Amino acid sequence: MRILLIEDDTVLGAGVRDQIQAEGHSVDWVGRLDEAGEYLASASYDLVLLDLMLPDGRGLPFLREMRKRGDVTPVIILTALDQISDRIEGLNAGADDYMVKPFDLSELSARLAAVARRYAGNPNPLVTIGDLEIDLAFRSVRRNGKLVALTAREWVLFEAFVQHPGQILSKAQLEERLYAFDAEVESNTIEVHISRLRKKLGREKIDTVRGMGYRLGES
């Protein structure tokens, strides 16, 4: 997933960023709402992590404005505000989940995955595609019962297909998934990784849609 982290606490922000990057997600981290608005306008995100108290304003009006303009990107609030009334207000403003600081980073990872699965239309972390058994929670794939070793980049790309079944993903959309790896994405990077995925998972698992991109095969 590509995630936008909006958090001005440098210690917490670094911890959250490192945790979700270690799991293969791409993270853009900003400490102000005006920066966050610019990022959302220029890129497509799978999820937003939103602090409520930021140097240039409060997160709830920002969230309400997102929803008002039709932005349905999943949002998890991360905040020290722990009253029930605060939680209700946050969820009513359009948040998908609400976590009170301090929180366990492993729990955050689990909630990220749960929200992503809900938006992909399948809350079950176990997915079967032909001879593949996929565990989205543990990021593992078995083919005919045997574990398939995927690199971090290969998993990130394959996860994108599993989370968007039947949808065509453009080369640009897939390239965005790789920005977390601190390396420039070469012009043929996507083609190389798609080829490797086909060799490991079966050529029919990923279809090429000429001139448009790729999508998960039906078999």
C-alpha atoms as a PDB file:
ATOM      1  CA  MET A   1       0.000   0.000   0.000  1.00  0.00           C
ATOM      2  CA  ARG A   2       0.981   3.631  -0.423  1.00  0.00           C
ATOM      3  CA  ILE A   3       0.287   5.456   2.835  1.00  0.00           C
ATOM      4  CA  LEU A   4       0.244   9.137   3.777  1.00  0.00           C
ATOM      5  CA  LEU A   5       1.308   9.716   7.391  1.00  0.00           C
ATOM      6  CA  ILE A   6       0.271  13.091   8.833  1.00  0.00           C
ATOM      7  CA  GLU A   7       2.057  13.419  12.183  1.00  0.00           C
ATOM      8  CA  ASP A   8       4.139  16.258  13.664  1.00  0.00           C
ATOM      9  CA  ASP A   9       5.703  14.253  16.525  1.00  0.00           C
ATOM     10  CA  THR A  10       9.086  13.318  15.059  1.00  0.00           C
ATOM     11  CA  VAL A  11       9.750  10.394  17.403  1.00  0.00           C
ATOM     12  CA  LEU A  12       6.345   8.774  16.918  1.00  0.00           C
ATOM     13  CA  GLY A  13       6.306   9.587  13.225  1.00  0.00           C
ATOM     14  CA  ALA A  14       9.680   7.915  12.696  1.00  0.00           C
ATOM     15  CA  GLY A  15       8.548   4.844  14.597  1.00  0.00           C
ATOM     16  CA  VAL A  16       5.334   4.516  12.591  1.00  0.00           C
ATOM     17  CA  ARG A  17       7.134   5.144   9.313  1.00  0.00           C
ATOM     18  CA  ASP A  18       9.819   2.557  10.042  1.00  0.00           C
ATOM     19  CA  GLN A  19       7.255  -0.029  11.129  1.00  0.00           C
ATOM     20  CA  ILE A  20       5.113   0.162   8.019  1.00  0.00           C
ATOM     21  CA  GLN A  21       8.073   0.522   5.666  1.00  0.00           C
ATOM     22  CA  ALA A  22       9.562  -2.642   7.152  1.00  0.00           C
ATOM     23  CA  GLU A  23       6.382  -4.415   6.055  1.00  0.00           C
ATOM     24  CA  GLY A  24       6.881  -3.298   2.475  1.00  0.00           C
ATOM     25  CA  HIS A  25       4.490  -0.347   2.344  1.00  0.00           C
ATOM     26  CA  SER A  26       5.346   2.983   0.757  1.00  0.00           C
ATOM     27  CA  VAL A  27       5.111   5.931   3.168  1.00  0.00           C
ATOM     28  CA  ASP A  28       5.038   9.690   2.627  1.00  0.00           C
ATOM     29  CA  TRP A  29       5.371  11.508   5.963  1.00  0.00           C
ATOM     30  CA  VAL A  30       4.333  15.136   6.489  1.00  0.00           C
ATOM     31  CA  GLY A  31       3.927  17.203   9.647  1.00  0.00           C
ATOM     32  CA  ARG A  32       1.426  19.814   8.509  1.00  0.00           C
ATOM     33  CA  LEU A  33      -2.063  19.817   7.022  1.00  0.00           C
ATOM     34  CA  ASP A  34      -1.147  22.163   4.177  1.00  0.00           C
ATOM     35  CA  GLU A  35       1.580  19.727   3.105  1.00  0.00           C
ATOM     36  CA  ALA A  36      -0.846  16.835   3.420  1.00  0.00           C
ATOM     37  CA  GLY A  37      -3.312  18.575   1.118  1.00  0.00           C
ATOM     38  CA  GLU A  38      -0.619  19.022  -1.521  1.00  0.00           C
ATOM     39  CA  TYR A  39       0.372  15.357  -1.319  1.00  0.00           C
ATOM     40  CA  LEU A  40      -3.222  14.146  -1.611  1.00  0.00           C
ATOM     41  CA  ALA A  41      -3.738  16.375  -4.635  1.00  0.00           C
ATOM     42  CA  SER A  42      -0.677  15.048  -6.430  1.00  0.00           C
ATOM     43  CA  ALA A  43      -0.718  11.296  -5.678  1.00  0.00           C
ATOM     44  CA  SER A  44      -3.086   8.403  -5.105  1.00  0.00           C
ATOM     45  CA  TYR A  45      -2.984   6.857  -1.629  1.00  0.00           C
ATOM     46  CA  ASP A  46      -4.407   3.619  -0.294  1.00  0.00           C
ATOM     47  CA  LEU A  47      -4.679   4.901   3.273  1.00  0.00           C
ATOM     48  CA  VAL A  48      -4.098   7.992   5.417  1.00  0.00           C
ATOM     49  CA  LEU A  49      -2.856   8.035   9.024  1.00  0.00           C
ATOM     50  CA  LEU A  50      -4.064  11.313  10.543  1.00  0.00           C
ATOM     51  CA  ASP A  51      -3.065  13.050  13.768  1.00  0.00           C
ATOM     52  CA  LEU A  52      -5.731  15.435  15.080  1.00  0.00           C
ATOM     53  CA  MET A  53      -3.542  18.171  16.610  1.00  0.00           C
ATOM     54  CA  LEU A  54      -1.147  19.658  14.064  1.00  0.00           C
ATOM     55  CA  PRO A  55       0.817  22.935  13.953  1.00  0.00           C
ATOM     56  CA  ASP A  56      -1.426  24.506  11.319  1.00  0.00           C
ATOM     57  CA  GLY A  57      -4.801  23.215  12.474  1.00  0.00           C
ATOM     58  CA  ARG A  58      -6.953  20.311  13.598  1.00  0.00           C
ATOM     59  CA  GLY A  59      -7.306  17.068  11.730  1.00  0.00           C
ATOM     60  CA  LEU A  60     -11.086  16.690  11.910  1.00  0.00           C
ATOM     61  CA  PRO A  61     -11.950  19.666   9.671  1.00  0.00           C
ATOM     62  CA  PHE A  62      -9.316  18.371   7.248  1.00  0.00           C
ATOM     63  CA  LEU A  63     -10.981  14.946   7.272  1.00  0.00           C
ATOM     64  CA  ARG A  64     -14.446  16.422   6.832  1.00  0.00           C
ATOM     65  CA  GLU A  65     -13.218  18.402   3.835  1.00  0.00           C
ATOM     66  CA  MET A  66     -11.748  15.236   2.323  1.00  0.00           C
ATOM     67  CA  ARG A  67     -15.097  13.487   2.577  1.00  0.00           C
ATOM     68  CA  LYS A  68     -16.997  16.553   1.375  1.00  0.00           C
ATOM     69  CA  ARG A  69     -15.087  16.598  -1.901  1.00  0.00           C
ATOM     70  CA  GLY A  70     -15.707  12.884  -2.390  1.00  0.00           C
ATOM     71  CA  ASP A  71     -12.320  11.529  -1.308  1.00  0.00           C
ATOM     72  CA  VAL A  72     -13.013   8.010   0.015  1.00  0.00           C
ATOM     73  CA  THR A  73      -9.405   7.145   0.891  1.00  0.00           C
ATOM     74  CA  PRO A  74      -9.444   5.115   4.138  1.00  0.00           C
ATOM     75  CA  VAL A  75      -8.368   7.166   7.166  1.00  0.00           C
ATOM     76  CA  ILE A  76      -7.134   5.952  10.551  1.00  0.00           C
ATOM     77  CA  ILE A  77      -6.930   8.628  13.237  1.00  0.00           C
ATOM     78  CA  LEU A  78      -3.887   8.548  15.539  1.00  0.00           C
ATOM     79  CA  THR A  79      -4.367  10.856  18.522  1.00  0.00           C
ATOM     80  CA  ALA A  80      -3.895  11.422  22.247  1.00  0.00           C
ATOM     81  CA  LEU A  81      -7.559  12.472  22.555  1.00  0.00           C
ATOM     82  CA  ASP A  82      -9.023   9.497  24.377  1.00  0.00           C
ATOM     83  CA  GLN A  83     -12.545  10.491  25.392  1.00  0.00           C
ATOM     84  CA  ILE A  84     -15.490   8.514  24.016  1.00  0.00           C
ATOM     85  CA  SER A  85     -16.898  11.783  22.656  1.00  0.00           C
ATOM     86  CA  ASP A  86     -13.637  12.324  20.724  1.00  0.00           C
ATOM     87  CA  ARG A  87     -13.844   8.858  19.205  1.00  0.00           C
ATOM     88  CA  ILE A  88     -17.471   9.346  18.210  1.00  0.00           C
ATOM     89  CA  GLU A  89     -16.690  12.712  16.633  1.00  0.00           C
ATOM     90  CA  GLY A  90     -13.775  11.244  14.690  1.00  0.00           C
ATOM     91  CA  LEU A  91     -15.752   8.302  13.353  1.00  0.00           C
ATOM     92  CA  ASN A  92     -18.710  10.525  12.483  1.00  0.00           C
ATOM     93  CA  ALA A  93     -16.363  12.820  10.565  1.00  0.00           C
ATOM     94  CA  GLY A  94     -15.512   9.929   8.261  1.00  0.00           C
ATOM     95  CA  ALA A  95     -12.639   8.053   9.903  1.00  0.00           C
ATOM     96  CA  ASP A  96     -12.442   4.294   9.383  1.00  0.00           C
ATOM     97  CA  ASP A  97     -10.645   3.607  12.645  1.00  0.00           C
ATOM     98  CA  TYR A  98      -9.423   5.476  15.711  1.00  0.00           C
ATOM     99  CA  MET A  99      -6.279   4.706  17.718  1.00  0.00           C
ATOM    100  CA  VAL A 100      -5.300   6.420  20.955  1.00  0.00           C
ATOM    101  CA  LYS A 101      -1.644   7.225  21.664  1.00  0.00           C
ATOM    102  CA  PRO A 102       0.426   5.532  22.891  1.00  0.00           C
ATOM    103  CA  PHE A 103      -0.374   2.452  20.854  1.00  0.00           C
ATOM    104  CA  ASP A 104       1.400  -0.757  19.970  1.00  0.00           C
ATOM    105  CA  LEU A 105       2.961  -0.663  16.505  1.00  0.00           C
ATOM    106  CA  SER A 106       1.981  -4.278  15.864  1.00  0.00           C
ATOM    107  CA  GLU A 107      -1.643  -3.395  16.550  1.00  0.00           C
ATOM    108  CA  LEU A 108      -1.375  -0.499  14.119  1.00  0.00           C
ATOM    109  CA  SER A 109      -0.094  -2.897  11.451  1.00  0.00           C
ATOM    110  CA  ALA A 110      -3.034  -5.223  12.041  1.00  0.00           C
ATOM    111  CA  ARG A 111      -5.529  -2.370  11.794  1.00  0.00           C
ATOM    112  CA  LEU A 112      -3.904  -1.096   8.596  1.00  0.00           C
ATOM    113  CA  ALA A 113      -4.320  -4.523   7.043  1.00  0.00           C
ATOM    114  CA  ALA A 114      -7.909  -4.865   8.258  1.00  0.00           C
ATOM    115  CA  VAL A 115      -8.982  -1.511   6.822  1.00  0.00           C
ATOM    116  CA  ALA A 116      -7.241  -2.286   3.522  1.00  0.00           C
ATOM    117  CA  ARG A 117      -9.039  -5.618   3.268  1.00  0.00           C
ATOM    118  CA  ARG A 118     -12.421  -4.022   3.917  1.00  0.00           C
ATOM    119  CA  TYR A 119     -11.877  -1.519   1.125  1.00  0.00           C
ATOM    120  CA  ALA A 120     -10.718  -4.294  -1.202  1.00  0.00           C
ATOM    121  CA  GLY A 121     -14.104  -5.935  -0.652  1.00  0.00           C
ATOM    122  CA  ASN A 122     -12.749  -8.947   1.221  1.00  0.00           C
ATOM    123  CA  PRO A 123     -12.374  -8.684   5.015  1.00  0.00           C
ATOM    124  CA  ASN A 124     -10.990 -12.234   5.100  1.00  0.00           C
ATOM    125  CA  PRO A 125      -7.154 -12.232   5.106  1.00  0.00           C
ATOM    126  CA  LEU A 126      -7.157 -15.668   3.412  1.00  0.00           C
ATOM    127  CA  VAL A 127      -7.669 -15.559  -0.363  1.00  0.00           C
ATOM    128  CA  THR A 128      -7.636 -18.461  -2.829  1.00  0.00           C
ATOM    129  CA  ILE A 129      -6.874 -17.893  -6.509  1.00  0.00           C
ATOM    130  CA  GLY A 130      -6.675 -21.112  -8.482  1.00  0.00           C
ATOM    131  CA  ASP A 131      -3.808 -23.115  -6.995  1.00  0.00           C
ATOM    132  CA  LEU A 132      -2.645 -20.166  -4.858  1.00  0.00           C
ATOM    133  CA  GLU A 133      -3.430 -19.725  -1.163  1.00  0.00           C
ATOM    134  CA  ILE A 134      -2.708 -16.154  -0.067  1.00  0.00           C
ATOM    135  CA  ASP A 135      -2.529 -14.927   3.515  1.00  0.00           C
ATOM    136  CA  LEU A 136      -2.698 -11.135   3.400  1.00  0.00           C
ATOM    137  CA  ALA A 137      -2.139 -10.799   7.157  1.00  0.00           C
ATOM    138  CA  PHE A 138       1.118 -12.782   7.142  1.00  0.00           C
ATOM    139  CA  ARG A 139       2.109 -11.802   3.582  1.00  0.00           C
ATOM    140  CA  SER A 140       2.605 -15.350   2.413  1.00  0.00           C
ATOM    141  CA  VAL A 141       1.688 -17.280  -0.736  1.00  0.00           C
ATOM    142  CA  ARG A 142       1.460 -21.031  -1.203  1.00  0.00           C
ATOM    143  CA  ARG A 143       1.179 -22.710  -4.592  1.00  0.00           C
ATOM    144  CA  ASN A 144      -0.202 -26.232  -4.480  1.00  0.00           C
ATOM    145  CA  GLY A 145       0.538 -26.207  -0.759  1.00  0.00           C
ATOM    146  CA  LYS A 146       4.186 -25.170  -1.130  1.00  0.00           C
ATOM    147  CA  LEU A 147       5.403 -21.825   0.163  1.00  0.00           C
ATOM    148  CA  VAL A 148       6.474 -19.417  -2.603  1.00  0.00           C
ATOM    149  CA  ALA A 149       9.348 -17.100  -1.737  1.00  0.00           C
ATOM    150  CA  LEU A 150       8.553 -13.562  -2.899  1.00  0.00           C
ATOM    151  CA  THR A 151      10.845 -10.599  -2.483  1.00  0.00           C
ATOM    152  CA  ALA A 152       9.474  -7.500  -0.747  1.00  0.00           C
ATOM    153  CA  ARG A 153       8.940  -5.761  -4.088  1.00  0.00           C
ATOM    154  CA  GLU A 154       7.268  -8.778  -5.644  1.00  0.00           C
ATOM    155  CA  TRP A 155       4.884  -9.063  -2.690  1.00  0.00           C
ATOM    156  CA  VAL A 156       3.966  -5.362  -2.823  1.00  0.00           C
ATOM    157  CA  LEU A 157       3.021  -5.654  -6.489  1.00  0.00           C
ATOM    158  CA  PHE A 158       1.154  -8.939  -6.105  1.00  0.00           C
ATOM    159  CA  GLU A 159      -0.743  -7.571  -3.084  1.00  0.00           C
ATOM    160  CA  ALA A 160      -1.926  -4.680  -5.256  1.00  0.00           C
ATOM    161  CA  PHE A 161      -3.509  -7.131  -7.709  1.00  0.00           C
ATOM    162  CA  VAL A 162      -5.117  -9.191  -4.935  1.00  0.00           C
ATOM    163  CA  GLN A 163      -6.587  -6.071  -3.324  1.00  0.00           C
ATOM    164  CA  HIS A 164      -8.032  -4.900  -6.669  1.00  0.00           C
ATOM    165  CA  PRO A 165      -9.419  -8.061  -8.287  1.00  0.00           C
ATOM    166  CA  GLY A 166     -10.539  -7.568 -11.853  1.00  0.00           C
ATOM    167  CA  GLN A 167      -9.207  -4.014 -12.016  1.00  0.00           C
ATOM    168  CA  ILE A 168      -6.574  -2.919 -14.509  1.00  0.00           C
ATOM    169  CA  LEU A 169      -3.577  -1.378 -12.748  1.00  0.00           C
ATOM    170  CA  SER A 170      -1.455   0.933 -14.872  1.00  0.00           C
ATOM    171  CA  LYS A 171       2.314   0.870 -14.885  1.00  0.00           C
ATOM    172  CA  ALA A 172       2.326   4.228 -13.081  1.00  0.00           C
ATOM    173  CA  GLN A 173       0.052   2.888 -10.333  1.00  0.00           C
ATOM    174  CA  LEU A 174       2.315  -0.101  -9.821  1.00  0.00           C
ATOM    175  CA  GLU A 175       5.427   2.067  -9.797  1.00  0.00           C
ATOM    176  CA  GLU A 176       3.947   4.083  -6.922  1.00  0.00           C
ATOM    177  CA  ARG A 177       3.947   0.894  -4.862  1.00  0.00           C
ATOM    178  CA  LEU A 178       7.722   0.688  -5.071  1.00  0.00           C
ATOM    179  CA  TYR A 179       8.610   4.184  -3.880  1.00  0.00           C
ATOM    180  CA  ALA A 180       9.203   2.937  -0.321  1.00  0.00           C
ATOM    181  CA  PHE A 181      12.360   1.110  -1.303  1.00  0.00           C
ATOM    182  CA  ASP A 182      14.586   4.194  -1.550  1.00  0.00           C
ATOM    183  CA  ALA A 183      15.685   3.417  -5.072  1.00  0.00           C
ATOM    184  CA  GLU A 184      14.803   5.043  -8.341  1.00  0.00           C
ATOM    185  CA  VAL A 185      12.290   2.995 -10.308  1.00  0.00           C
ATOM    186  CA  GLU A 186      13.814   2.092 -13.669  1.00  0.00           C
ATOM    187  CA  SER A 187      11.722   2.230 -16.823  1.00  0.00           C
ATOM    188  CA  ASN A 188      11.525  -1.570 -17.075  1.00  0.00           C
ATOM    189  CA  THR A 189      11.208  -2.335 -13.336  1.00  0.00           C
ATOM    190  CA  ILE A 190       7.532  -3.268 -13.473  1.00  0.00           C
ATOM    191  CA  GLU A 191       7.978  -5.538 -16.478  1.00  0.00           C
ATOM    192  CA  VAL A 192      10.867  -7.341 -14.755  1.00  0.00           C
ATOM    193  CA  HIS A 193       8.900  -7.956 -11.557  1.00  0.00           C
ATOM    194  CA  ILE A 194       5.761  -9.030 -13.431  1.00  0.00           C
ATOM    195  CA  SER A 195       7.861 -11.561 -15.335  1.00  0.00           C
ATOM    196  CA  ARG A 196       9.297 -12.933 -12.088  1.00  0.00           C
ATOM    197  CA  LEU A 197       5.847 -13.159 -10.496  1.00  0.00           C
ATOM    198  CA  ARG A 198       4.558 -15.117 -13.481  1.00  0.00           C
ATOM    199  CA  LYS A 199       7.439 -17.582 -13.212  1.00  0.00           C
ATOM    200  CA  LYS A 200       6.786 -18.137  -9.506  1.00  0.00           C
ATOM    201  CA  LEU A 201       2.984 -18.073  -9.454  1.00  0.00           C
ATOM    202  CA  GLY A 202       1.974 -19.144 -12.933  1.00  0.00           C
ATOM    203  CA  ARG A 203       1.913 -17.157 -16.146  1.00  0.00           C
ATOM    204  CA  GLU A 204      -1.888 -17.052 -16.227  1.00  0.00           C
ATOM    205  CA  LYS A 205      -2.097 -15.313 -12.832  1.00  0.00           C
ATOM    206  CA  ILE A 206      -1.358 -11.844 -14.259  1.00  0.00           C
ATOM    207  CA  ASP A 207      -2.824 -10.665 -17.557  1.00  0.00           C
ATOM    208  CA  THR A 208      -1.366  -7.926 -19.721  1.00  0.00           C
ATOM    209  CA  VAL A 209      -3.959  -5.480 -21.040  1.00  0.00           C
ATOM    210  CA  ARG A 210      -2.205  -3.914 -24.002  1.00  0.00           C
ATOM    211  CA  GLY A 211      -1.802  -0.154 -23.722  1.00  0.00           C
ATOM    212  CA  MET A 212      -3.431  -0.032 -20.299  1.00  0.00           C
ATOM    213  CA  GLY A 213      -1.557  -2.145 -17.750  1.00  0.00           C
ATOM    214  CA  TYR A 214      -2.030  -5.423 -15.919  1.00  0.00           C
ATOM    215  CA  ARG A 215      -4.724  -7.211 -13.939  1.00  0.00           C
ATOM    216  CA  LEU A 216      -5.146 -10.365 -11.898  1.00  0.00           C
ATOM    217  CA  GLY A 217      -5.959 -13.365 -14.090  1.00  0.00           C
ATOM    218  CA  GLU A 218      -9.236 -15.216 -13.594  1.00  0.00           C
ATOM    219  CA  SER A 219      -7.711 -18.661 -13.127  1.00  0.00           C
END
